[in-house]
Amino acid sequence: MAKTFKLEIIIPEKVVYSDSVQSISADGTEGSFGVLADHAPLITELKTSILTVNDANNRTIQFALDRGFLEVMANNVVVLSDACVKEGEVNVEKARAEKDAAERTLSGGGSAEEKEKAQSILGRANTWLKLANK
């Protein structure tokens, strides 16, 4: 059996996931990377993207993250994110509505701040829909 380590994914409202895993792969702001047991200490910023987890039973689980940070320390990995949804739990209608609203904001007039916020919402909605395969 492969070595495992503890993974916790935390958003402001709750702990989304907490279990032993064999590996994770993520997209950081500096590029994609993977983590296995006994990884060197690391703190990195995450992009809005899909986090792939290979659990202790060798099952693949995916999560959509809305930015965040990942810390590796002594076979413990903590992911802190503004928002996170597990595969199979995506509210597709809500994600599509957010995507449509953000696209309208981006194509219309508005302040730079409104457009920046809409771009962030669009990225999150697209990531959620990608996880849902929609």
N, C-alpha and C. Protein backbone atom coordinates (compact mmCIF):
# COMPACT_ATOMS: atom_id res chain seq x y z
N MET A 1 0.83 -1.19 0.00
CA MET A 1 0.00 0.00 0.00
C MET A 1 0.88 1.25 0.00
N ALA A 2 0.49 2.23 -0.79
CA ALA A 2 1.25 3.47 -0.90
C ALA A 2 1.15 4.27 0.40
N LYS A 3 2.20 5.04 0.67
CA LYS A 3 2.19 5.91 1.85
C LYS A 3 1.12 6.97 1.67
N THR A 4 0.54 7.37 2.79
CA THR A 4 -0.50 8.39 2.75
C THR A 4 -0.11 9.58 3.62
N PHE A 5 -0.87 10.64 3.46
CA PHE A 5 -0.71 11.84 4.29
C PHE A 5 -2.09 12.44 4.50
N LYS A 6 -2.20 13.32 5.45
CA LYS A 6 -3.48 13.94 5.81
C LYS A 6 -3.73 15.17 4.93
N LEU A 7 -4.94 15.26 4.38
CA LEU A 7 -5.36 16.41 3.58
C LEU A 7 -6.61 17.01 4.19
N GLU A 8 -6.60 18.32 4.36
CA GLU A 8 -7.79 19.06 4.77
C GLU A 8 -8.03 20.19 3.78
N ILE A 9 -9.27 20.30 3.31
CA ILE A 9 -9.68 21.41 2.45
C ILE A 9 -10.69 22.22 3.26
N ILE A 10 -10.37 23.48 3.47
CA ILE A 10 -11.17 24.32 4.37
C ILE A 10 -11.61 25.58 3.63
N ILE A 11 -12.91 25.90 3.76
CA ILE A 11 -13.45 27.17 3.28
C ILE A 11 -13.97 27.91 4.51
N PRO A 12 -14.30 29.19 4.41
CA PRO A 12 -14.73 29.93 5.61
C PRO A 12 -15.88 29.28 6.38
N GLU A 13 -16.79 28.62 5.67
CA GLU A 13 -17.98 28.07 6.33
C GLU A 13 -17.76 26.72 6.98
N LYS A 14 -16.81 25.91 6.45
CA LYS A 14 -16.70 24.53 6.94
C LYS A 14 -15.44 23.85 6.42
N VAL A 15 -15.20 22.66 6.94
CA VAL A 15 -14.17 21.77 6.41
C VAL A 15 -14.84 20.95 5.31
N VAL A 16 -14.39 21.10 4.09
CA VAL A 16 -14.98 20.42 2.94
C VAL A 16 -14.52 18.97 2.87
N TYR A 17 -13.26 18.72 3.22
CA TYR A 17 -12.69 17.37 3.10
C TYR A 17 -11.60 17.21 4.14
N SER A 18 -11.56 16.06 4.77
CA SER A 18 -10.51 15.75 5.74
C SER A 18 -10.33 14.25 5.76
N ASP A 19 -9.19 13.77 5.22
CA ASP A 19 -8.95 12.33 5.16
C ASP A 19 -7.49 12.07 4.76
N SER A 20 -7.10 10.82 4.83
CA SER A 20 -5.78 10.42 4.36
C SER A 20 -5.83 10.19 2.86
N VAL A 21 -4.78 10.63 2.17
CA VAL A 21 -4.72 10.51 0.71
C VAL A 21 -3.32 10.05 0.30
N GLN A 22 -3.25 9.52 -0.94
CA GLN A 22 -1.95 9.10 -1.48
C GLN A 22 -1.26 10.22 -2.24
N SER A 23 -2.05 11.05 -2.94
CA SER A 23 -1.46 12.13 -3.72
C SER A 23 -2.51 13.19 -4.03
N ILE A 24 -2.00 14.37 -4.36
CA ILE A 24 -2.87 15.43 -4.87
C ILE A 24 -2.13 16.11 -6.02
N SER A 25 -2.91 16.69 -6.93
CA SER A 25 -2.32 17.54 -7.96
C SER A 25 -3.15 18.81 -8.02
N ALA A 26 -2.45 19.92 -8.20
CA ALA A 26 -3.09 21.23 -8.11
C ALA A 26 -2.44 22.20 -9.10
N ASP A 27 -3.14 23.31 -9.33
CA ASP A 27 -2.61 24.37 -10.18
C ASP A 27 -2.32 25.59 -9.32
N GLY A 28 -1.03 25.83 -9.11
CA GLY A 28 -0.61 27.02 -8.38
C GLY A 28 -0.42 28.19 -9.32
N THR A 29 -0.25 29.36 -8.75
CA THR A 29 -0.03 30.54 -9.58
C THR A 29 1.31 30.46 -10.31
N GLU A 30 2.21 29.60 -9.84
CA GLU A 30 3.52 29.43 -10.48
C GLU A 30 3.57 28.19 -11.36
N GLY A 31 2.44 27.46 -11.48
CA GLY A 31 2.39 26.27 -12.32
C GLY A 31 1.76 25.10 -11.60
N SER A 32 1.57 24.02 -12.34
CA SER A 32 0.96 22.81 -11.79
C SER A 32 1.98 22.03 -10.99
N PHE A 33 1.51 21.31 -9.98
CA PHE A 33 2.40 20.52 -9.14
C PHE A 33 1.64 19.36 -8.50
N GLY A 34 2.39 18.42 -7.97
CA GLY A 34 1.82 17.30 -7.25
C GLY A 34 2.45 17.17 -5.89
N VAL A 35 1.72 16.50 -4.99
CA VAL A 35 2.23 16.26 -3.65
C VAL A 35 2.03 14.78 -3.32
N LEU A 36 3.09 14.16 -2.83
CA LEU A 36 3.07 12.78 -2.34
C LEU A 36 3.49 12.80 -0.86
N ALA A 37 3.38 11.66 -0.20
CA ALA A 37 3.84 11.56 1.18
C ALA A 37 5.30 11.96 1.28
N ASP A 38 5.68 12.55 2.40
CA ASP A 38 7.04 13.00 2.69
C ASP A 38 7.51 14.14 1.80
N HIS A 39 6.56 14.92 1.26
CA HIS A 39 6.91 16.09 0.44
C HIS A 39 7.61 17.13 1.32
N ALA A 40 8.50 17.88 0.73
CA ALA A 40 9.19 18.96 1.43
C ALA A 40 8.17 20.03 1.85
N PRO A 41 8.45 20.76 2.92
CA PRO A 41 7.55 21.84 3.32
C PRO A 41 7.34 22.84 2.17
N LEU A 42 6.12 23.33 2.07
CA LEU A 42 5.76 24.21 0.94
C LEU A 42 4.56 25.05 1.32
N ILE A 43 4.56 26.29 0.90
CA ILE A 43 3.38 27.14 0.94
C ILE A 43 3.29 27.78 -0.43
N THR A 44 2.10 27.67 -1.05
CA THR A 44 1.93 28.24 -2.38
C THR A 44 0.52 28.75 -2.57
N GLU A 45 0.37 29.67 -3.49
CA GLU A 45 -0.93 30.22 -3.85
C GLU A 45 -1.54 29.38 -4.96
N LEU A 46 -2.85 29.13 -4.86
CA LEU A 46 -3.56 28.32 -5.85
C LEU A 46 -4.41 29.21 -6.75
N LYS A 47 -4.51 28.80 -8.01
CA LYS A 47 -5.39 29.46 -8.97
C LYS A 47 -6.79 28.87 -8.82
N THR A 48 -7.77 29.56 -9.36
CA THR A 48 -9.10 28.98 -9.49
C THR A 48 -8.96 27.83 -10.47
N SER A 49 -9.18 26.61 -9.96
CA SER A 49 -8.87 25.42 -10.77
C SER A 49 -9.44 24.18 -10.10
N ILE A 50 -9.14 23.05 -10.70
CA ILE A 50 -9.59 21.76 -10.17
C ILE A 50 -8.44 21.09 -9.44
N LEU A 51 -8.69 20.69 -8.20
CA LEU A 51 -7.75 19.95 -7.37
C LEU A 51 -8.11 18.48 -7.47
N THR A 52 -7.14 17.65 -7.84
CA THR A 52 -7.38 16.21 -7.99
C THR A 52 -6.71 15.48 -6.84
N VAL A 53 -7.49 14.61 -6.19
CA VAL A 53 -7.03 13.87 -5.02
C VAL A 53 -7.11 12.38 -5.33
N ASN A 54 -6.05 11.65 -4.99
CA ASN A 54 -6.06 10.19 -5.06
C ASN A 54 -6.10 9.72 -3.61
N ASP A 55 -7.27 9.23 -3.16
CA ASP A 55 -7.44 8.92 -1.74
C ASP A 55 -6.71 7.64 -1.33
N ALA A 56 -6.81 7.28 -0.05
CA ALA A 56 -6.09 6.13 0.49
C ALA A 56 -6.53 4.82 -0.16
N ASN A 57 -7.75 4.78 -0.71
CA ASN A 57 -8.26 3.58 -1.39
C ASN A 57 -8.05 3.62 -2.89
N ASN A 58 -7.20 4.56 -3.34
CA ASN A 58 -6.85 4.72 -4.75
C ASN A 58 -8.03 5.18 -5.62
N ARG A 59 -8.99 5.88 -5.02
CA ARG A 59 -10.09 6.49 -5.78
C ARG A 59 -9.73 7.94 -6.06
N THR A 60 -10.12 8.41 -7.23
CA THR A 60 -9.87 9.80 -7.60
C THR A 60 -11.08 10.64 -7.25
N ILE A 61 -10.83 11.75 -6.55
CA ILE A 61 -11.87 12.70 -6.17
C ILE A 61 -11.40 14.07 -6.65
N GLN A 62 -12.32 14.85 -7.23
CA GLN A 62 -11.94 16.18 -7.71
C GLN A 62 -12.77 17.25 -6.99
N PHE A 63 -12.12 18.40 -6.80
CA PHE A 63 -12.73 19.55 -6.17
C PHE A 63 -12.45 20.78 -7.03
N ALA A 64 -13.44 21.65 -7.18
CA ALA A 64 -13.22 22.94 -7.83
C ALA A 64 -12.93 23.96 -6.74
N LEU A 65 -11.83 24.68 -6.88
CA LEU A 65 -11.41 25.68 -5.90
C LEU A 65 -11.49 27.07 -6.49
N ASP A 66 -11.89 28.02 -5.67
CA ASP A 66 -11.85 29.42 -6.07
C ASP A 66 -10.67 30.07 -5.37
N ARG A 67 -9.53 29.99 -6.02
CA ARG A 67 -8.27 30.51 -5.47
C ARG A 67 -7.99 29.91 -4.10
N GLY A 68 -6.87 30.27 -3.53
CA GLY A 68 -6.57 29.83 -2.18
C GLY A 68 -5.09 29.64 -1.96
N PHE A 69 -4.79 28.95 -0.88
CA PHE A 69 -3.41 28.66 -0.49
C PHE A 69 -3.31 27.20 -0.08
N LEU A 70 -2.14 26.62 -0.32
CA LEU A 70 -1.87 25.24 0.05
C LEU A 70 -0.59 25.23 0.86
N GLU A 71 -0.63 24.52 1.99
CA GLU A 71 0.56 24.37 2.83
C GLU A 71 0.84 22.89 3.04
N VAL A 72 2.10 22.50 2.85
CA VAL A 72 2.56 21.14 3.13
C VAL A 72 3.53 21.24 4.30
N MET A 73 3.26 20.44 5.35
CA MET A 73 4.14 20.43 6.50
C MET A 73 4.02 19.08 7.21
N ALA A 74 5.09 18.32 7.25
CA ALA A 74 5.16 17.06 8.01
C ALA A 74 4.00 16.12 7.69
N ASN A 75 3.83 15.79 6.41
CA ASN A 75 2.77 14.87 5.96
C ASN A 75 1.36 15.34 6.31
N ASN A 76 1.20 16.65 6.38
CA ASN A 76 -0.12 17.27 6.52
C ASN A 76 -0.23 18.35 5.46
N VAL A 77 -1.32 18.31 4.70
CA VAL A 77 -1.56 19.33 3.69
C VAL A 77 -2.87 20.02 4.03
N VAL A 78 -2.82 21.34 4.06
CA VAL A 78 -4.01 22.14 4.32
C VAL A 78 -4.23 23.05 3.12
N VAL A 79 -5.45 23.00 2.59
CA VAL A 79 -5.85 23.89 1.50
C VAL A 79 -6.89 24.85 2.08
N LEU A 80 -6.61 26.14 1.97
CA LEU A 80 -7.55 27.17 2.38
C LEU A 80 -8.05 27.85 1.12
N SER A 81 -9.38 27.92 0.96
CA SER A 81 -9.95 28.49 -0.25
C SER A 81 -11.17 29.34 0.09
N ASP A 82 -11.45 30.32 -0.77
CA ASP A 82 -12.65 31.14 -0.60
C ASP A 82 -13.91 30.31 -0.82
N ALA A 83 -13.86 29.39 -1.78
CA ALA A 83 -15.00 28.53 -2.09
C ALA A 83 -14.48 27.23 -2.69
N CYS A 84 -15.20 26.16 -2.44
CA CYS A 84 -14.81 24.85 -2.94
C CYS A 84 -16.05 23.99 -3.08
N VAL A 85 -16.09 23.21 -4.14
CA VAL A 85 -17.20 22.26 -4.33
C VAL A 85 -16.62 20.94 -4.81
N LYS A 86 -17.18 19.86 -4.27
CA LYS A 86 -16.74 18.51 -4.63
C LYS A 86 -17.47 18.06 -5.88
N GLU A 87 -16.80 17.23 -6.69
CA GLU A 87 -17.45 16.71 -7.89
C GLU A 87 -18.78 16.06 -7.51
N GLY A 88 -19.77 16.23 -8.36
CA GLY A 88 -21.09 15.69 -8.09
C GLY A 88 -21.97 16.60 -7.25
N GLU A 89 -21.40 17.69 -6.73
CA GLU A 89 -22.16 18.60 -5.88
C GLU A 89 -22.29 20.00 -6.48
N VAL A 90 -21.96 20.13 -7.75
CA VAL A 90 -22.01 21.44 -8.42
C VAL A 90 -23.46 21.79 -8.72
N ASN A 91 -23.86 23.01 -8.36
CA ASN A 91 -25.16 23.54 -8.73
C ASN A 91 -25.01 24.14 -10.14
N VAL A 92 -25.31 23.34 -11.15
CA VAL A 92 -25.05 23.73 -12.53
C VAL A 92 -25.87 24.96 -12.93
N GLU A 93 -27.13 25.02 -12.52
CA GLU A 93 -27.97 26.17 -12.88
C GLU A 93 -27.40 27.46 -12.30
N LYS A 94 -26.96 27.42 -11.04
CA LYS A 94 -26.38 28.61 -10.41
C LYS A 94 -25.09 29.01 -11.12
N ALA A 95 -24.24 28.04 -11.44
CA ALA A 95 -22.98 28.34 -12.13
C ALA A 95 -23.23 28.95 -13.49
N ARG A 96 -24.22 28.41 -14.23
CA ARG A 96 -24.54 28.98 -15.55
C ARG A 96 -25.08 30.40 -15.42
N ALA A 97 -25.92 30.64 -14.41
CA ALA A 97 -26.47 31.98 -14.20
C ALA A 97 -25.35 32.97 -13.86
N GLU A 98 -24.41 32.56 -13.01
CA GLU A 98 -23.28 33.43 -12.67
C GLU A 98 -22.41 33.70 -13.90
N LYS A 99 -22.21 32.67 -14.71
CA LYS A 99 -21.41 32.84 -15.93
C LYS A 99 -22.08 33.82 -16.88
N ASP A 100 -23.39 33.67 -17.10
CA ASP A 100 -24.12 34.57 -18.00
C ASP A 100 -24.08 36.01 -17.50
N ALA A 101 -24.29 36.20 -16.19
CA ALA A 101 -24.26 37.56 -15.62
C ALA A 101 -22.88 38.18 -15.76
N ALA A 102 -21.84 37.40 -15.50
CA ALA A 102 -20.47 37.92 -15.62
C ALA A 102 -20.15 38.28 -17.07
N GLU A 103 -20.58 37.45 -18.01
CA GLU A 103 -20.33 37.74 -19.43
C GLU A 103 -21.06 39.01 -19.86
N ARG A 104 -22.28 39.22 -19.35
CA ARG A 104 -23.01 40.46 -19.67
C ARG A 104 -22.26 41.68 -19.13
N THR A 105 -21.75 41.57 -17.91
CA THR A 105 -21.02 42.67 -17.31
C THR A 105 -19.76 42.97 -18.11
N LEU A 106 -19.06 41.93 -18.54
CA LEU A 106 -17.83 42.13 -19.29
C LEU A 106 -18.07 42.71 -20.68
N SER A 107 -19.19 42.38 -21.29
CA SER A 107 -19.46 42.89 -22.63
C SER A 107 -20.09 44.28 -22.61
N GLY A 108 -20.62 44.67 -21.48
CA GLY A 108 -21.25 45.99 -21.37
C GLY A 108 -20.32 47.01 -20.77
N GLY A 109 -20.89 48.17 -20.52
CA GLY A 109 -20.12 49.22 -19.86
C GLY A 109 -20.00 48.92 -18.38
N GLY A 110 -19.05 49.53 -17.75
CA GLY A 110 -18.86 49.34 -16.33
C GLY A 110 -17.47 49.75 -15.93
N SER A 111 -17.29 49.91 -14.65
CA SER A 111 -15.98 50.34 -14.14
C SER A 111 -14.98 49.19 -14.23
N ALA A 112 -13.73 49.55 -14.11
CA ALA A 112 -12.67 48.55 -14.14
C ALA A 112 -12.84 47.58 -12.97
N GLU A 113 -13.29 48.09 -11.83
CA GLU A 113 -13.50 47.24 -10.66
C GLU A 113 -14.62 46.24 -10.90
N GLU A 114 -15.71 46.68 -11.54
CA GLU A 114 -16.82 45.78 -11.85
C GLU A 114 -16.38 44.70 -12.84
N LYS A 115 -15.59 45.08 -13.82
CA LYS A 115 -15.12 44.12 -14.81
C LYS A 115 -14.14 43.12 -14.18
N GLU A 116 -13.30 43.57 -13.27
CA GLU A 116 -12.37 42.67 -12.59
C GLU A 116 -13.13 41.65 -11.74
N LYS A 117 -14.15 42.10 -11.04
CA LYS A 117 -14.98 41.20 -10.24
C LYS A 117 -15.71 40.21 -11.15
N ALA A 118 -16.24 40.69 -12.26
CA ALA A 118 -16.94 39.82 -13.20
C ALA A 118 -15.99 38.78 -13.79
N GLN A 119 -14.75 39.16 -14.06
CA GLN A 119 -13.76 38.21 -14.58
C GLN A 119 -13.49 37.10 -13.58
N SER A 120 -13.41 37.46 -12.30
CA SER A 120 -13.20 36.47 -11.24
C SER A 120 -14.40 35.52 -11.14
N ILE A 121 -15.60 36.07 -11.20
CA ILE A 121 -16.82 35.25 -11.13
C ILE A 121 -16.90 34.33 -12.35
N LEU A 122 -16.55 34.85 -13.51
CA LEU A 122 -16.56 34.04 -14.73
C LEU A 122 -15.58 32.87 -14.62
N GLY A 123 -14.39 33.12 -14.10
CA GLY A 123 -13.41 32.05 -13.92
C GLY A 123 -13.91 30.97 -12.98
N ARG A 124 -14.53 31.39 -11.88
CA ARG A 124 -15.06 30.41 -10.93
C ARG A 124 -16.19 29.61 -11.57
N ALA A 125 -17.12 30.28 -12.23
CA ALA A 125 -18.25 29.58 -12.87
C ALA A 125 -17.75 28.59 -13.91
N ASN A 126 -16.78 28.99 -14.73
CA ASN A 126 -16.24 28.08 -15.74
C ASN A 126 -15.58 26.86 -15.10
N THR A 127 -14.89 27.07 -13.99
CA THR A 127 -14.24 25.95 -13.29
C THR A 127 -15.28 25.00 -12.71
N TRP A 128 -16.34 25.56 -12.11
CA TRP A 128 -17.41 24.73 -11.55
C TRP A 128 -18.07 23.91 -12.67
N LEU A 129 -18.33 24.55 -13.80
CA LEU A 129 -18.97 23.85 -14.93
C LEU A 129 -18.04 22.79 -15.52
N LYS A 130 -16.74 23.07 -15.55
CA LYS A 130 -15.77 22.08 -16.03
C LYS A 130 -15.80 20.85 -15.12
N LEU A 131 -15.87 21.07 -13.81
CA LEU A 131 -15.94 19.94 -12.89
C LEU A 131 -17.20 19.13 -13.10
N ALA A 132 -18.30 19.83 -13.41
CA ALA A 132 -19.58 19.14 -13.65
C ALA A 132 -19.67 18.58 -15.06
N ASN A 133 -18.64 18.84 -15.89
CA ASN A 133 -18.64 18.40 -17.30
C ASN A 133 -19.81 18.97 -18.07
N LYS A 134 -20.11 20.23 -17.84
CA LYS A 134 -21.24 20.88 -18.53
C LYS A 134 -20.73 22.03 -19.38
